[in-house]
Structures are given as structure tokens and as C-alpha cells.
Amino acid sequence: MKEVQITIINKLGLHARAASKLVSISNRFEARMELGRSGRFVDAKNIIALLLASMSKGTEITLRAEGPDEEAALEAVCALIRNRFDEPE
């Protein structure tokens, strides 16, 4: 299992459109993926779980992946977050 820390930097945080993009990218990989904070993790392939996690701008999260393509999965999700979920701000 690999894990990385990253901060949500887009203006609106992990809102519906951003969560949808995160789920879409996560589902491209075989690895089991989770994200969370304060020791509480949710399935990164489940949009309802992501929305209920309520992660706003500035929230530091931990991404975890376990499986044959775990490194590629983490890189892809981190790239999405660093790119502000492809939003202008």
C-alpha cells in the first residue's frame, strides 16, 4: 500500500463536479483507492462517500492506494488535485 499527503487547492473544494472527476479517474485503475483525513477514510471510487466527506479548500488529505497499479493511480489523482480538478481557480 502506498500513500501520499496532498492539499485540496481549488476554490470550491471537493464539490460534485470535482468528486465526479476524481471517481472517474480512480475507476480507471485496478488498485483500491481511499482518501481521508484525521484517520477517517472513504472509498475514492464512491461519489456519495466523497461528497459526504466534505473536503473544502485547504483541507490536507491522505490518498491511499493498494494494488498492482497503485503508483500510477496515486499519480493520476494527485495530478487532478494539483490541476484544481481542471477548474479555473
C-alpha atoms as a PDB file:
ATOM      1  CA  MET A   1       0.000   0.000   0.000  1.00  0.00           C
ATOM      2  CA  LYS A   2       1.237   3.447  -0.932  1.00  0.00           C
ATOM      3  CA  GLU A   3       0.007   6.738   0.446  1.00  0.00           C
ATOM      4  CA  VAL A   4       0.631  10.421  -0.156  1.00  0.00           C
ATOM      5  CA  GLN A   5      -0.444  13.680   1.513  1.00  0.00           C
ATOM      6  CA  ILE A   6      -1.896  16.443  -0.625  1.00  0.00           C
ATOM      7  CA  THR A   7      -3.947  19.598  -0.051  1.00  0.00           C
ATOM      8  CA  ILE A   8      -7.211  20.435  -1.817  1.00  0.00           C
ATOM      9  CA  ILE A   9      -6.387  23.745  -3.505  1.00  0.00           C
ATOM     10  CA  ASN A  10      -9.317  24.507  -5.787  1.00  0.00           C
ATOM     11  CA  LYS A  11     -11.682  27.264  -4.717  1.00  0.00           C
ATOM     12  CA  LEU A  12     -14.794  25.114  -4.237  1.00  0.00           C
ATOM     13  CA  GLY A  13     -13.138  22.094  -2.638  1.00  0.00           C
ATOM     14  CA  LEU A  14     -14.348  18.576  -3.347  1.00  0.00           C
ATOM     15  CA  HIS A  15     -17.777  19.540  -4.709  1.00  0.00           C
ATOM     16  CA  ALA A  16     -19.944  17.388  -7.012  1.00  0.00           C
ATOM     17  CA  ARG A  17     -18.157  18.045 -10.316  1.00  0.00           C
ATOM     18  CA  ALA A  18     -14.712  17.626  -8.743  1.00  0.00           C
ATOM     19  CA  ALA A  19     -15.784  14.439  -6.954  1.00  0.00           C
ATOM     20  CA  SER A  20     -17.147  13.072 -10.223  1.00  0.00           C
ATOM     21  CA  LYS A  21     -13.796  13.649 -11.932  1.00  0.00           C
ATOM     22  CA  LEU A  22     -11.946  12.032  -9.040  1.00  0.00           C
ATOM     23  CA  VAL A  23     -14.204   8.952  -9.184  1.00  0.00           C
ATOM     24  CA  SER A  24     -13.790   8.746 -12.947  1.00  0.00           C
ATOM     25  CA  ILE A  25     -10.001   8.753 -12.718  1.00  0.00           C
ATOM     26  CA  SER A  26      -9.945   6.379  -9.740  1.00  0.00           C
ATOM     27  CA  ASN A  27     -12.082   3.856 -11.614  1.00  0.00           C
ATOM     28  CA  ARG A  28      -9.511   3.643 -14.410  1.00  0.00           C
ATOM     29  CA  PHE A  29      -7.261   1.720 -12.050  1.00  0.00           C
ATOM     30  CA  GLU A  30      -7.485  -1.716 -10.513  1.00  0.00           C
ATOM     31  CA  ALA A  31      -5.998  -0.529  -7.214  1.00  0.00           C
ATOM     32  CA  ARG A  32      -8.286   0.001  -4.236  1.00  0.00           C
ATOM     33  CA  MET A  33      -8.216   3.717  -3.505  1.00  0.00           C
ATOM     34  CA  GLU A  34      -9.168   5.708  -0.420  1.00  0.00           C
ATOM     35  CA  LEU A  35      -8.810   9.266   0.704  1.00  0.00           C
ATOM     36  CA  GLY A  36      -9.334  10.826   4.048  1.00  0.00           C
ATOM     37  CA  ARG A  37      -8.231  12.980   6.925  1.00  0.00           C
ATOM     38  CA  SER A  38      -7.865  12.593  10.650  1.00  0.00           C
ATOM     39  CA  GLY A  39      -7.752   8.811  10.305  1.00  0.00           C
ATOM     40  CA  ARG A  40     -11.176   8.599   8.635  1.00  0.00           C
ATOM     41  CA  PHE A  41     -11.042   7.242   5.090  1.00  0.00           C
ATOM     42  CA  VAL A  42     -13.622   6.849   2.321  1.00  0.00           C
ATOM     43  CA  ASP A  43     -13.648   4.925  -0.942  1.00  0.00           C
ATOM     44  CA  ALA A  44     -12.285   7.165  -3.713  1.00  0.00           C
ATOM     45  CA  LYS A  45     -14.419   5.274  -6.239  1.00  0.00           C
ATOM     46  CA  ASN A  46     -17.692   6.154  -4.487  1.00  0.00           C
ATOM     47  CA  ILE A  47     -19.053   9.622  -5.253  1.00  0.00           C
ATOM     48  CA  ILE A  48     -21.528   9.635  -2.352  1.00  0.00           C
ATOM     49  CA  ALA A  49     -18.763   8.805   0.131  1.00  0.00           C
ATOM     50  CA  LEU A  50     -16.588  11.584  -1.304  1.00  0.00           C
ATOM     51  CA  LEU A  51     -19.351  14.177  -1.098  1.00  0.00           C
ATOM     52  CA  LEU A  52     -20.203  13.215   2.475  1.00  0.00           C
ATOM     53  CA  ALA A  53     -16.523  13.583   3.441  1.00  0.00           C
ATOM     54  CA  SER A  54     -16.960  17.350   2.981  1.00  0.00           C
ATOM     55  CA  MET A  55     -13.444  18.451   1.999  1.00  0.00           C
ATOM     56  CA  SER A  56     -13.123  22.165   1.369  1.00  0.00           C
ATOM     57  CA  LYS A  57     -10.267  24.267   0.031  1.00  0.00           C
ATOM     58  CA  GLY A  58      -7.199  23.962   2.246  1.00  0.00           C
ATOM     59  CA  THR A  59      -8.066  20.505   3.565  1.00  0.00           C
ATOM     60  CA  GLU A  60      -4.982  18.305   3.806  1.00  0.00           C
ATOM     61  CA  ILE A  61      -5.866  14.757   2.837  1.00  0.00           C
ATOM     62  CA  THR A  62      -4.155  11.411   2.642  1.00  0.00           C
ATOM     63  CA  LEU A  63      -4.563   9.345  -0.512  1.00  0.00           C
ATOM     64  CA  ARG A  64      -4.020   5.599  -0.229  1.00  0.00           C
ATOM     65  CA  ALA A  65      -3.870   3.007  -2.978  1.00  0.00           C
ATOM     66  CA  GLU A  66      -3.304  -0.712  -2.878  1.00  0.00           C
ATOM     67  CA  GLY A  67      -2.996  -2.921  -5.920  1.00  0.00           C
ATOM     68  CA  PRO A  68      -0.901  -3.650  -8.981  1.00  0.00           C
ATOM     69  CA  ASP A  69      -1.195  -0.111 -10.398  1.00  0.00           C
ATOM     70  CA  GLU A  70      -1.190   1.792  -7.099  1.00  0.00           C
ATOM     71  CA  GLU A  71       1.621   4.201  -8.026  1.00  0.00           C
ATOM     72  CA  ALA A  72       0.019   5.180 -11.335  1.00  0.00           C
ATOM     73  CA  ALA A  73      -3.337   5.620  -9.590  1.00  0.00           C
ATOM     74  CA  LEU A  74      -1.867   7.939  -6.953  1.00  0.00           C
ATOM     75  CA  GLU A  75      -0.015   9.952  -9.594  1.00  0.00           C
ATOM     76  CA  ALA A  76      -3.176  10.420 -11.655  1.00  0.00           C
ATOM     77  CA  VAL A  77      -5.320  11.539  -8.720  1.00  0.00           C
ATOM     78  CA  CYS A  78      -2.597  13.852  -7.391  1.00  0.00           C
ATOM     79  CA  ALA A  79      -2.244  15.416 -10.844  1.00  0.00           C
ATOM     80  CA  LEU A  80      -6.000  16.051 -10.919  1.00  0.00           C
ATOM     81  CA  ILE A  81      -5.929  17.702  -7.487  1.00  0.00           C
ATOM     82  CA  ARG A  82      -2.843  19.790  -8.324  1.00  0.00           C
ATOM     83  CA  ASN A  83      -4.594  20.893 -11.506  1.00  0.00           C
ATOM     84  CA  ARG A  84      -7.544  22.119  -9.414  1.00  0.00           C
ATOM     85  CA  PHE A  85      -9.833  19.466 -10.930  1.00  0.00           C
ATOM     86  CA  ASP A  86      -9.416  21.260 -14.286  1.00  0.00           C
ATOM     87  CA  GLU A  87     -11.234  24.315 -12.924  1.00  0.00           C
ATOM     88  CA  PRO A  88     -10.052  27.906 -13.496  1.00  0.00           C
ATOM     89  CA  GLU A  89      -9.455  28.593  -9.779  1.00  0.00           C
END
